[in-house]
Amino acid sequence: MALIDQEHEVDTLGHLEDRIQKAVELVVRLRQEKEAALKELAETQSAWEEAQTSNQKLSEELESMRAERKQVRNRLERLLGHIDTLGTE
């Protein structure tokens, strides 16, 4: 009977060792996945910030070009007005 109890304890201990080893492997793998996810997050945030900066610059450039277009339109209208006055004189 004592031999059976010892074998049962050894089996239980072996089973426990296996479960602990699997748990350790899982923790290691999860830590690696976490580190990879954090790295990817940092890269994504950096890319997003660069895109935001680029977007801001392009928005400013667009507004500048619109203002310039308005100035050119006004100057052309003035010139055309001068040309019209030449034709009526």
PDB file of N, CA and C in Angstrom:
ATOM      1  N   MET A   1       0.823  -1.194   0.000  1.00  0.00           N
ATOM      2  CA  MET A   1       0.000   0.000   0.000  1.00  0.00           C
ATOM      3  C   MET A   1       0.869   1.261   0.000  1.00  0.00           C
ATOM      4  N   ALA A   2       1.959   1.241   0.774  1.00  0.00           N
ATOM      5  CA  ALA A   2       2.857   2.388   0.851  1.00  0.00           C
ATOM      6  C   ALA A   2       3.523   2.624  -0.499  1.00  0.00           C
ATOM      7  N   LEU A   3       3.806   1.534  -1.236  1.00  0.00           N
ATOM      8  CA  LEU A   3       4.413   1.648  -2.553  1.00  0.00           C
ATOM      9  C   LEU A   3       3.456   2.335  -3.525  1.00  0.00           C
ATOM     10  N   ILE A   4       2.210   1.997  -3.448  1.00  0.00           N
ATOM     11  CA  ILE A   4       1.199   2.612  -4.315  1.00  0.00           C
ATOM     12  C   ILE A   4       1.061   4.099  -3.986  1.00  0.00           C
ATOM     13  N   ASP A   5       1.091   4.453  -2.702  1.00  0.00           N
ATOM     14  CA  ASP A   5       1.001   5.857  -2.302  1.00  0.00           C
ATOM     15  C   ASP A   5       2.213   6.640  -2.811  1.00  0.00           C
ATOM     16  N   GLN A   6       3.397   6.016  -2.725  1.00  0.00           N
ATOM     17  CA  GLN A   6       4.604   6.694  -3.213  1.00  0.00           C
ATOM     18  C   GLN A   6       4.538   6.890  -4.731  1.00  0.00           C
ATOM     19  N   GLU A   7       4.070   5.870  -5.460  1.00  0.00           N
ATOM     20  CA  GLU A   7       3.943   5.990  -6.912  1.00  0.00           C
ATOM     21  C   GLU A   7       2.929   7.076  -7.270  1.00  0.00           C
ATOM     22  N   HIS A   8       1.845   7.129  -6.519  1.00  0.00           N
ATOM     23  CA  HIS A   8       0.822   8.142  -6.753  1.00  0.00           C
ATOM     24  C   HIS A   8       1.387   9.542  -6.494  1.00  0.00           C
ATOM     25  N   GLU A   9       2.163   9.672  -5.422  1.00  0.00           N
ATOM     26  CA  GLU A   9       2.787  10.956  -5.101  1.00  0.00           C
ATOM     27  C   GLU A   9       3.794  11.353  -6.178  1.00  0.00           C
ATOM     28  N   VAL A  10       4.555  10.375  -6.680  1.00  0.00           N
ATOM     29  CA  VAL A  10       5.531  10.645  -7.735  1.00  0.00           C
ATOM     30  C   VAL A  10       4.806  11.065  -9.008  1.00  0.00           C
ATOM     31  N   ASP A  11       3.705  10.381  -9.343  1.00  0.00           N
ATOM     32  CA  ASP A  11       2.925  10.757 -10.525  1.00  0.00           C
ATOM     33  C   ASP A  11       2.340  12.157 -10.354  1.00  0.00           C
ATOM     34  N   THR A  12       1.838  12.424  -9.176  1.00  0.00           N
ATOM     35  CA  THR A  12       1.258  13.734  -8.901  1.00  0.00           C
ATOM     36  C   THR A  12       2.335  14.805  -8.974  1.00  0.00           C
ATOM     37  N   LEU A  13       3.489  14.532  -8.413  1.00  0.00           N
ATOM     38  CA  LEU A  13       4.602  15.477  -8.452  1.00  0.00           C
ATOM     39  C   LEU A  13       5.072  15.702  -9.888  1.00  0.00           C
ATOM     40  N   GLY A  14       5.161  14.637 -10.650  1.00  0.00           N
ATOM     41  CA  GLY A  14       5.560  14.744 -12.061  1.00  0.00           C
ATOM     42  C   GLY A  14       4.550  15.558 -12.848  1.00  0.00           C
ATOM     43  N   HIS A  15       3.271  15.319 -12.577  1.00  0.00           N
ATOM     44  CA  HIS A  15       2.206  16.062 -13.248  1.00  0.00           C
ATOM     45  C   HIS A  15       2.293  17.547 -12.878  1.00  0.00           C
ATOM     46  N   LEU A  16       2.549  17.812 -11.608  1.00  0.00           N
ATOM     47  CA  LEU A  16       2.683  19.184 -11.136  1.00  0.00           C
ATOM     48  C   LEU A  16       3.881  19.864 -11.804  1.00  0.00           C
ATOM     49  N   GLU A  17       4.997  19.137 -11.914  1.00  0.00           N
ATOM     50  CA  GLU A  17       6.182  19.688 -12.585  1.00  0.00           C
ATOM     51  C   GLU A  17       5.858  20.050 -14.032  1.00  0.00           C
ATOM     52  N   ASP A  18       5.138  19.161 -14.717  1.00  0.00           N
ATOM     53  CA  ASP A  18       4.761  19.431 -16.107  1.00  0.00           C
ATOM     54  C   ASP A  18       3.895  20.684 -16.206  1.00  0.00           C
ATOM     55  N   ARG A  19       2.941  20.799 -15.311  1.00  0.00           N
ATOM     56  CA  ARG A  19       2.044  21.964 -15.336  1.00  0.00           C
ATOM     57  C   ARG A  19       2.812  23.257 -15.035  1.00  0.00           C
ATOM     58  N   ILE A  20       3.741  23.179 -14.088  1.00  0.00           N
ATOM     59  CA  ILE A  20       4.544  24.364 -13.765  1.00  0.00           C
ATOM     60  C   ILE A  20       5.417  24.736 -14.958  1.00  0.00           C
ATOM     61  N   GLN A  21       6.027  23.754 -15.608  1.00  0.00           N
ATOM     62  CA  GLN A  21       6.873  24.019 -16.771  1.00  0.00           C
ATOM     63  C   GLN A  21       6.055  24.661 -17.890  1.00  0.00           C
ATOM     64  N   LYS A  22       4.840  24.157 -18.108  1.00  0.00           N
ATOM     65  CA  LYS A  22       3.977  24.736 -19.139  1.00  0.00           C
ATOM     66  C   LYS A  22       3.580  26.162 -18.769  1.00  0.00           C
ATOM     67  N   ALA A  23       3.331  26.395 -17.497  1.00  0.00           N
ATOM     68  CA  ALA A  23       2.977  27.745 -17.042  1.00  0.00           C
ATOM     69  C   ALA A  23       4.147  28.706 -17.249  1.00  0.00           C
ATOM     70  N   VAL A  24       5.353  28.252 -16.951  1.00  0.00           N
ATOM     71  CA  VAL A  24       6.541  29.081 -17.147  1.00  0.00           C
ATOM     72  C   VAL A  24       6.711  29.398 -18.630  1.00  0.00           C
ATOM     73  N   GLU A  25       6.561  28.413 -19.476  1.00  0.00           N
ATOM     74  CA  GLU A  25       6.681  28.627 -20.914  1.00  0.00           C
ATOM     75  C   GLU A  25       5.621  29.610 -21.412  1.00  0.00           C
ATOM     76  N   LEU A  26       4.414  29.492 -20.881  1.00  0.00           N
ATOM     77  CA  LEU A  26       3.339  30.398 -21.260  1.00  0.00           C
ATOM     78  C   LEU A  26       3.657  31.829 -20.837  1.00  0.00           C
ATOM     79  N   VAL A  27       4.152  31.996 -19.626  1.00  0.00           N
ATOM     80  CA  VAL A  27       4.506  33.333 -19.137  1.00  0.00           C
ATOM     81  C   VAL A  27       5.615  33.934 -20.001  1.00  0.00           C
ATOM     82  N   VAL A  28       6.615  33.154 -20.338  1.00  0.00           N
ATOM     83  CA  VAL A  28       7.712  33.640 -21.180  1.00  0.00           C
ATOM     84  C   VAL A  28       7.176  34.067 -22.545  1.00  0.00           C
ATOM     85  N   ARG A  29       6.337  33.232 -23.133  1.00  0.00           N
ATOM     86  CA  ARG A  29       5.772  33.542 -24.449  1.00  0.00           C
ATOM     87  C   ARG A  29       4.902  34.793 -24.388  1.00  0.00           C
ATOM     88  N   LEU A  30       4.086  34.903 -23.353  1.00  0.00           N
ATOM     89  CA  LEU A  30       3.225  36.078 -23.211  1.00  0.00           C
ATOM     90  C   LEU A  30       4.032  37.351 -23.009  1.00  0.00           C
ATOM     91  N   ARG A  31       5.124  37.274 -22.273  1.00  0.00           N
ATOM     92  CA  ARG A  31       5.992  38.442 -22.095  1.00  0.00           C
ATOM     93  C   ARG A  31       6.597  38.862 -23.426  1.00  0.00           C
ATOM     94  N   GLN A  32       7.024  37.884 -24.213  1.00  0.00           N
ATOM     95  CA  GLN A  32       7.595  38.197 -25.527  1.00  0.00           C
ATOM     96  C   GLN A  32       6.549  38.841 -26.429  1.00  0.00           C
ATOM     97  N   GLU A  33       5.326  38.309 -26.391  1.00  0.00           N
ATOM     98  CA  GLU A  33       4.250  38.879 -27.195  1.00  0.00           C
ATOM     99  C   GLU A  33       3.921  40.298 -26.733  1.00  0.00           C
ATOM    100  N   LYS A  34       3.956  40.503 -25.423  1.00  0.00           N
ATOM    101  CA  LYS A  34       3.686  41.830 -24.884  1.00  0.00           C
ATOM    102  C   LYS A  34       4.747  42.818 -25.362  1.00  0.00           C
ATOM    103  N   GLU A  35       6.014  42.422 -25.285  1.00  0.00           N
ATOM    104  CA  GLU A  35       7.096  43.294 -25.735  1.00  0.00           C
ATOM    105  C   GLU A  35       6.952  43.612 -27.222  1.00  0.00           C
ATOM    106  N   ALA A  36       6.601  42.609 -28.021  1.00  0.00           N
ATOM    107  CA  ALA A  36       6.421  42.832 -29.458  1.00  0.00           C
ATOM    108  C   ALA A  36       5.243  43.781 -29.694  1.00  0.00           C
ATOM    109  N   ALA A  37       4.169  43.607 -28.942  1.00  0.00           N
ATOM    110  CA  ALA A  37       2.999  44.479 -29.093  1.00  0.00           C
ATOM    111  C   ALA A  37       3.331  45.912 -28.676  1.00  0.00           C
ATOM    112  N   LEU A  38       4.086  46.071 -27.603  1.00  0.00           N
ATOM    113  CA  LEU A  38       4.471  47.414 -27.160  1.00  0.00           C
ATOM    114  C   LEU A  38       5.376  48.094 -28.188  1.00  0.00           C
ATOM    115  N   LYS A  39       6.276  47.326 -28.782  1.00  0.00           N
ATOM    116  CA  LYS A  39       7.150  47.875 -29.812  1.00  0.00           C
ATOM    117  C   LYS A  39       6.331  48.309 -31.028  1.00  0.00           C
ATOM    118  N   GLU A  40       5.398  47.462 -31.424  1.00  0.00           N
ATOM    119  CA  GLU A  40       4.539  47.795 -32.564  1.00  0.00           C
ATOM    120  C   GLU A  40       3.692  49.033 -32.259  1.00  0.00           C
ATOM    121  N   LEU A  41       3.197  49.117 -31.035  1.00  0.00           N
ATOM    122  CA  LEU A  41       2.418  50.284 -30.621  1.00  0.00           C
ATOM    123  C   LEU A  41       3.255  51.554 -30.707  1.00  0.00           C
ATOM    124  N   ALA A  42       4.480  51.495 -30.217  1.00  0.00           N
ATOM    125  CA  ALA A  42       5.366  52.664 -30.252  1.00  0.00           C
ATOM    126  C   ALA A  42       5.636  53.084 -31.701  1.00  0.00           C
ATOM    127  N   GLU A  43       5.870  52.118 -32.568  1.00  0.00           N
ATOM    128  CA  GLU A  43       6.124  52.423 -33.980  1.00  0.00           C
ATOM    129  C   GLU A  43       4.882  53.037 -34.628  1.00  0.00           C
ATOM    130  N   THR A  44       3.728  52.499 -34.287  1.00  0.00           N
ATOM    131  CA  THR A  44       2.481  53.017 -34.842  1.00  0.00           C
ATOM    132  C   THR A  44       2.215  54.434 -34.356  1.00  0.00           C
ATOM    133  N   GLN A  45       2.465  54.682 -33.077  1.00  0.00           N
ATOM    134  CA  GLN A  45       2.277  56.031 -32.543  1.00  0.00           C
ATOM    135  C   GLN A  45       3.233  57.014 -33.211  1.00  0.00           C
ATOM    136  N   SER A  46       4.457  56.592 -33.425  1.00  0.00           N
ATOM    137  CA  SER A  46       5.442  57.452 -34.085  1.00  0.00           C
ATOM    138  C   SER A  46       4.999  57.769 -35.513  1.00  0.00           C
ATOM    139  N   ALA A  47       4.542  56.757 -36.224  1.00  0.00           N
ATOM    140  CA  ALA A  47       4.070  56.963 -37.600  1.00  0.00           C
ATOM    141  C   ALA A  47       2.851  57.883 -37.613  1.00  0.00           C
ATOM    142  N   TRP A  48       1.959  57.723 -36.626  1.00  0.00           N
ATOM    143  CA  TRP A  48       0.774  58.571 -36.540  1.00  0.00           C
ATOM    144  C   TRP A  48       1.168  60.025 -36.303  1.00  0.00           C
ATOM    145  N   GLU A  49       2.127  60.232 -35.403  1.00  0.00           N
ATOM    146  CA  GLU A  49       2.585  61.595 -35.121  1.00  0.00           C
ATOM    147  C   GLU A  49       3.218  62.226 -36.357  1.00  0.00           C
ATOM    148  N   GLU A  50       3.995  61.446 -37.097  1.00  0.00           N
ATOM    149  CA  GLU A  50       4.597  61.958 -38.333  1.00  0.00           C
ATOM    150  C   GLU A  50       3.513  62.314 -39.344  1.00  0.00           C
ATOM    151  N   ALA A  51       2.486  61.462 -39.426  1.00  0.00           N
ATOM    152  CA  ALA A  51       1.390  61.726 -40.355  1.00  0.00           C
ATOM    153  C   ALA A  51       0.632  62.988 -39.946  1.00  0.00           C
ATOM    154  N   GLN A  52       0.452  63.170 -38.651  1.00  0.00           N
ATOM    155  CA  GLN A  52      -0.233  64.373 -38.169  1.00  0.00           C
ATOM    156  C   GLN A  52       0.577  65.627 -38.525  1.00  0.00           C
ATOM    157  N   THR A  53       1.889  65.569 -38.334  1.00  0.00           N
ATOM    158  CA  THR A  53       2.761  66.694 -38.673  1.00  0.00           C
ATOM    159  C   THR A  53       2.698  66.987 -40.166  1.00  0.00           C
ATOM    160  N   SER A  54       2.772  65.940 -40.957  1.00  0.00           N
ATOM    161  CA  SER A  54       2.704  66.100 -42.414  1.00  0.00           C
ATOM    162  C   SER A  54       1.349  66.675 -42.816  1.00  0.00           C
ATOM    163  N   ASN A  55       0.306  66.182 -42.199  1.00  0.00           N
ATOM    164  CA  ASN A  55      -1.040  66.672 -42.489  1.00  0.00           C
ATOM    165  C   ASN A  55      -1.161  68.157 -42.161  1.00  0.00           C
ATOM    166  N   GLN A  56      -0.608  68.561 -41.036  1.00  0.00           N
ATOM    167  CA  GLN A  56      -0.641  69.972 -40.638  1.00  0.00           C
ATOM    168  C   GLN A  56       0.108  70.836 -41.651  1.00  0.00           C
ATOM    169  N   LYS A  57       1.278  70.374 -42.068  1.00  0.00           N
ATOM    170  CA  LYS A  57       2.059  71.126 -43.056  1.00  0.00           C
ATOM    171  C   LYS A  57       1.296  71.248 -44.370  1.00  0.00           C
ATOM    172  N   LEU A  58       0.667  70.149 -44.792  1.00  0.00           N
ATOM    173  CA  LEU A  58      -0.082  70.178 -46.050  1.00  0.00           C
ATOM    174  C   LEU A  58      -1.303  71.087 -45.943  1.00  0.00           C
ATOM    175  N   SER A  59      -1.941  71.097 -44.786  1.00  0.00           N
ATOM    176  CA  SER A  59      -3.088  71.987 -44.580  1.00  0.00           C
ATOM    177  C   SER A  59      -2.654  73.444 -44.666  1.00  0.00           C
ATOM    178  N   GLU A  60      -1.525  73.757 -44.051  1.00  0.00           N
ATOM    179  CA  GLU A  60      -0.999  75.125 -44.115  1.00  0.00           C
ATOM    180  C   GLU A  60      -0.637  75.505 -45.545  1.00  0.00           C
ATOM    181  N   GLU A  61      -0.027  74.572 -46.256  1.00  0.00           N
ATOM    182  CA  GLU A  61       0.344  74.832 -47.646  1.00  0.00           C
ATOM    183  C   GLU A  61      -0.906  75.050 -48.501  1.00  0.00           C
ATOM    184  N   LEU A  62      -1.932  74.275 -48.267  1.00  0.00           N
ATOM    185  CA  LEU A  62      -3.187  74.421 -49.008  1.00  0.00           C
ATOM    186  C   LEU A  62      -3.812  75.783 -48.761  1.00  0.00           C
ATOM    187  N   GLU A  63      -3.840  76.198 -47.513  1.00  0.00           N
ATOM    188  CA  GLU A  63      -4.398  77.521 -47.190  1.00  0.00           C
ATOM    189  C   GLU A  63      -3.572  78.632 -47.850  1.00  0.00           C
ATOM    190  N   SER A  64      -2.269  78.465 -47.839  1.00  0.00           N
ATOM    191  CA  SER A  64      -1.398  79.446 -48.481  1.00  0.00           C
ATOM    192  C   SER A  64      -1.677  79.515 -49.979  1.00  0.00           C
ATOM    193  N   MET A  65      -1.839  78.378 -50.608  1.00  0.00           N
ATOM    194  CA  MET A  65      -2.106  78.342 -52.049  1.00  0.00           C
ATOM    195  C   MET A  65      -3.479  78.935 -52.362  1.00  0.00           C
ATOM    196  N   ARG A  66      -4.443  78.702 -51.502  1.00  0.00           N
ATOM    197  CA  ARG A  66      -5.766  79.300 -51.720  1.00  0.00           C
ATOM    198  C   ARG A  66      -5.687  80.824 -51.635  1.00  0.00           C
ATOM    199  N   ALA A  67      -4.936  81.310 -50.651  1.00  0.00           N
ATOM    200  CA  ALA A  67      -4.779  82.763 -50.516  1.00  0.00           C
ATOM    201  C   ALA A  67      -4.064  83.330 -51.740  1.00  0.00           C
ATOM    202  N   GLU A  68      -3.041  82.628 -52.184  1.00  0.00           N
ATOM    203  CA  GLU A  68      -2.299  83.077 -53.367  1.00  0.00           C
ATOM    204  C   GLU A  68      -3.197  83.073 -54.601  1.00  0.00           C
ATOM    205  N   ARG A  69      -4.012  82.051 -54.746  1.00  0.00           N
ATOM    206  CA  ARG A  69      -4.937  81.967 -55.889  1.00  0.00           C
ATOM    207  C   ARG A  69      -5.921  83.142 -55.867  1.00  0.00           C
ATOM    208  N   LYS A  70      -6.395  83.482 -54.678  1.00  0.00           N
ATOM    209  CA  LYS A  70      -7.316  84.608 -54.539  1.00  0.00           C
ATOM    210  C   LYS A  70      -6.639  85.913 -54.954  1.00  0.00           C
ATOM    211  N   GLN A  71      -5.375  86.102 -54.554  1.00  0.00           N
ATOM    212  CA  GLN A  71      -4.636  87.302 -54.934  1.00  0.00           C
ATOM    213  C   GLN A  71      -4.447  87.373 -56.450  1.00  0.00           C
ATOM    214  N   VAL A  72      -4.099  86.238 -57.040  1.00  0.00           N
ATOM    215  CA  VAL A  72      -3.889  86.195 -58.489  1.00  0.00           C
ATOM    216  C   VAL A  72      -5.205  86.500 -59.205  1.00  0.00           C
ATOM    217  N   ARG A  73      -6.300  85.932 -58.713  1.00  0.00           N
ATOM    218  CA  ARG A  73      -7.606  86.182 -59.327  1.00  0.00           C
ATOM    219  C   ARG A  73      -7.944  87.680 -59.261  1.00  0.00           C
ATOM    220  N   ASN A  74      -7.715  88.284 -58.106  1.00  0.00           N
ATOM    221  CA  ASN A  74      -7.997  89.713 -57.955  1.00  0.00           C
ATOM    222  C   ASN A  74      -7.143  90.557 -58.903  1.00  0.00           C
ATOM    223  N   ARG A  75      -5.885  90.212 -59.025  1.00  0.00           N
ATOM    224  CA  ARG A  75      -4.993  90.961 -59.920  1.00  0.00           C
ATOM    225  C   ARG A  75      -5.424  90.806 -61.374  1.00  0.00           C
ATOM    226  N   LEU A  76      -5.818  89.558 -61.739  1.00  0.00           N
ATOM    227  CA  LEU A  76      -6.285  89.333 -63.118  1.00  0.00           C
ATOM    228  C   LEU A  76      -7.566  90.113 -63.392  1.00  0.00           C
ATOM    229  N   GLU A  77      -8.466  90.150 -62.425  1.00  0.00           N
ATOM    230  CA  GLU A  77      -9.705  90.898 -62.607  1.00  0.00           C
ATOM    231  C   GLU A  77      -9.414  92.391 -62.774  1.00  0.00           C
ATOM    232  N   ARG A  78      -8.459  92.877 -61.991  1.00  0.00           N
ATOM    233  CA  ARG A  78      -8.057  94.276 -62.120  1.00  0.00           C
ATOM    234  C   ARG A  78      -7.463  94.547 -63.507  1.00  0.00           C
ATOM    235  N   LEU A  79      -6.584  93.643 -63.957  1.00  0.00           N
ATOM    236  CA  LEU A  79      -5.978  93.812 -65.280  1.00  0.00           C
ATOM    237  C   LEU A  79      -7.034  93.757 -66.379  1.00  0.00           C
ATOM    238  N   LEU A  80      -7.951  92.814 -66.254  1.00  0.00           N
ATOM    239  CA  LEU A  80      -9.021  92.736 -67.248  1.00  0.00           C
ATOM    240  C   LEU A  80      -9.895  93.990 -67.217  1.00  0.00           C
ATOM    241  N   GLY A  81     -10.090  94.531 -66.033  1.00  0.00           N
ATOM    242  CA  GLY A  81     -10.834  95.788 -65.921  1.00  0.00           C
ATOM    243  C   GLY A  81     -10.112  96.912 -66.627  1.00  0.00           C
ATOM    244  N   HIS A  82      -8.791  96.977 -66.488  1.00  0.00           N
ATOM    245  CA  HIS A  82      -7.994  97.994 -67.190  1.00  0.00           C
ATOM    246  C   HIS A  82      -8.086  97.811 -68.700  1.00  0.00           C
ATOM    247  N   ILE A  83      -8.031  96.560 -69.134  1.00  0.00           N
ATOM    248  CA  ILE A  83      -8.118  96.275 -70.576  1.00  0.00           C
ATOM    249  C   ILE A  83      -9.486  96.699 -71.093  1.00  0.00           C
ATOM    250  N   ASP A  84     -10.532  96.425 -70.310  1.00  0.00           N
ATOM    251  CA  ASP A  84     -11.882  96.829 -70.728  1.00  0.00           C
ATOM    252  C   ASP A  84     -11.991  98.349 -70.865  1.00  0.00           C
ATOM    253  N   THR A  85     -11.343  99.078 -69.948  1.00  0.00           N
ATOM    254  CA  THR A  85     -11.398 100.525 -70.021  1.00  0.00           C
ATOM    255  C   THR A  85     -10.669 101.034 -71.260  1.00  0.00           C
ATOM    256  N   LEU A  86      -9.645 100.327 -71.698  1.00  0.00           N
ATOM    257  CA  LEU A  86      -8.933 100.728 -72.918  1.00  0.00           C
ATOM    258  C   LEU A  86      -9.836 100.568 -74.127  1.00  0.00           C
ATOM    259  N   GLY A  87     -10.626  99.526 -74.117  1.00  0.00           N
ATOM    260  CA  GLY A  87     -11.517  99.268 -75.263  1.00  0.00           C
ATOM    261  C   GLY A  87     -12.655 100.255 -75.349  1.00  0.00           C
ATOM    262  N   THR A  88     -13.082 100.813 -74.225  1.00  0.00           N
ATOM    263  CA  THR A  88     -14.225 101.739 -74.241  1.00  0.00           C
ATOM    264  C   THR A  88     -13.806 103.169 -74.511  1.00  0.00           C
ATOM    265  N   GLU A  89     -12.554 103.466 -74.406  1.00  0.00           N
ATOM    266  CA  GLU A  89     -12.101 104.846 -74.622  1.00  0.00           C
ATOM    267  C   GLU A  89     -11.921 105.174 -76.051  1.00  0.00           C
TER     268      GLU A  89
END
